Protein backbone atom coordinates (compact mmCIF):
# COMPACT_ATOMS: atom_id res chain seq x y z
CA MET A 1 4.38 -58.32 -40.71
CA LYS A 2 3.02 -57.12 -37.23
CA ILE A 3 -0.54 -57.93 -36.08
CA ASP A 4 -1.75 -55.90 -33.33
CA ASP A 5 -3.73 -57.58 -30.58
CA PRO A 6 -7.48 -56.16 -30.95
CA ILE A 7 -8.20 -56.70 -27.01
CA PRO A 8 -6.66 -54.06 -25.06
CA ASN A 9 -4.56 -54.72 -21.92
CA LEU A 10 -7.25 -55.23 -19.25
CA SER A 11 -4.74 -55.97 -16.46
CA GLY A 12 -5.28 -52.48 -14.77
CA ILE A 13 -9.16 -53.00 -14.48
CA THR A 14 -10.42 -53.83 -11.13
CA GLY A 15 -14.11 -54.36 -10.35
CA PRO A 16 -17.24 -53.23 -12.57
CA SER A 17 -17.05 -49.91 -14.16
CA PRO A 18 -20.16 -47.56 -13.66
CA VAL A 19 -22.82 -47.48 -16.14
CA GLN A 20 -23.12 -44.36 -18.04
CA ARG A 21 -26.73 -43.28 -18.13
CA ILE A 22 -26.66 -41.37 -21.39
CA GLY A 23 -27.90 -42.15 -24.74
CA PRO A 24 -31.29 -42.33 -26.71
CA VAL A 25 -32.73 -44.95 -24.31
CA PHE A 26 -32.26 -42.53 -21.43
CA ASP A 27 -33.37 -39.77 -23.41
CA LEU A 28 -36.76 -41.40 -23.76
CA PHE A 29 -36.91 -41.54 -19.85
CA ALA A 30 -36.34 -37.74 -19.78
CA ALA A 31 -39.12 -37.20 -22.66
CA TYR A 32 -41.65 -38.93 -20.34
CA GLY A 33 -40.71 -37.54 -16.90
CA ALA A 34 -39.43 -40.78 -15.67
CA SER A 35 -36.20 -41.75 -14.44
CA PRO A 36 -34.24 -45.14 -15.01
CA VAL A 37 -34.06 -47.56 -12.13
CA GLN A 38 -31.32 -46.67 -9.68
CA GLY A 39 -29.20 -49.23 -7.76
CA PRO A 40 -28.05 -52.64 -8.29
CA ASP A 41 -29.87 -55.29 -10.13
CA GLN A 42 -31.89 -57.70 -7.80
CA ALA A 43 -33.51 -61.27 -8.30
CA GLU A 44 -35.82 -63.09 -6.12
CA VAL A 45 -36.82 -66.95 -6.26
CA SER A 46 -40.49 -67.31 -6.23
CA VAL A 47 -42.25 -69.89 -3.63
CA MET A 48 -42.66 -72.42 -6.54
CA GLY A 49 -38.92 -71.97 -7.48
CA LEU A 50 -37.91 -72.70 -3.88
CA GLU A 51 -40.16 -75.66 -3.85
CA ILE A 52 -38.62 -77.14 -6.98
CA GLN A 53 -35.15 -76.71 -5.60
CA ARG A 54 -36.06 -78.53 -2.52
CA LEU A 55 -37.84 -81.38 -4.19
CA THR A 56 -34.75 -81.46 -6.63
CA GLU A 57 -32.49 -81.92 -3.62
CA GLN A 58 -34.65 -84.64 -2.21
CA VAL A 59 -34.71 -86.67 -5.61
CA LYS A 60 -31.08 -86.43 -5.90
CA LYS A 61 -30.81 -88.19 -2.51
CA LEU A 62 -32.74 -91.12 -3.52
CA PRO A 63 -31.02 -94.28 -4.40
CA ASP A 64 -30.52 -95.42 -8.02
CA ILE A 65 -31.88 -98.94 -7.04
CA ARG A 66 -34.55 -99.66 -4.21
CA GLU A 67 -32.76 -102.64 -2.80
CA ALA A 68 -35.74 -103.68 -0.74
CA LYS A 69 -37.96 -103.90 -3.69
CA VAL A 70 -35.47 -105.90 -5.78
CA GLN A 71 -34.87 -108.40 -2.98
CA ALA A 72 -38.67 -108.75 -2.43
CA ILE A 73 -39.13 -109.62 -6.12
CA GLU A 74 -35.93 -111.92 -6.27
CA SER A 75 -37.34 -113.81 -3.13
CA ARG A 76 -40.61 -114.43 -4.99
CA LEU A 77 -39.02 -115.50 -8.13
CA GLU A 78 -36.92 -118.05 -6.27
CA ALA A 79 -39.93 -119.32 -4.31
CA GLY A 80 -41.91 -119.39 -7.88
CA THR A 81 -44.63 -117.14 -6.78
CA TYR A 82 -43.79 -114.07 -8.74
CA HIS A 83 -45.92 -114.00 -12.06
CA ALA A 84 -45.70 -111.23 -14.35
CA PRO A 85 -49.05 -110.38 -16.02
CA VAL A 86 -49.08 -111.48 -19.70
CA ALA A 87 -50.36 -107.89 -20.70
CA ASP A 88 -47.38 -106.37 -18.99
CA ILE A 89 -44.92 -108.53 -20.76
CA ALA A 90 -46.60 -107.97 -24.04
CA GLU A 91 -46.64 -104.21 -23.61
CA ALA A 92 -42.79 -104.36 -22.83
CA MET A 93 -42.17 -106.29 -25.94
CA PHE A 94 -44.07 -104.00 -28.04
CA ARG A 95 -42.34 -100.95 -26.61
CA LEU A 96 -38.95 -102.56 -27.15
CA SER A 97 -39.69 -103.36 -30.74
CA GLU A 98 -40.75 -99.73 -31.47
CA LEU A 99 -37.41 -98.65 -29.90
CA ASP A 100 -35.87 -100.98 -32.28
CA ARG A 101 -37.52 -99.87 -35.27
CA ASP A 102 -36.77 -95.92 -34.32
CA GLU A 103 -32.99 -97.03 -34.18
CA ALA A 104 -32.93 -98.55 -37.63
């Protein structure tokens, strides 16, 4: 049994083929006396989009661990001068118990 390849040989195609501006959609343009947009497609990034890109790059450059902050807390722990607020510890314990319950 012979099975023909449903995809034609595309090796001879080089570059995009021109868009044919025919069909019912283009008939609507003619009916209203308008013409379809000519030329290549274009896109522009908004000012906000550029700002988001800039900030994203800055965030990517930040270290995962802030060594100075870690060392400061380690020094205070070793000296016995670091005391975590009880409310913060209770909050952390509560949140961890919620996570454990969600995973079960």
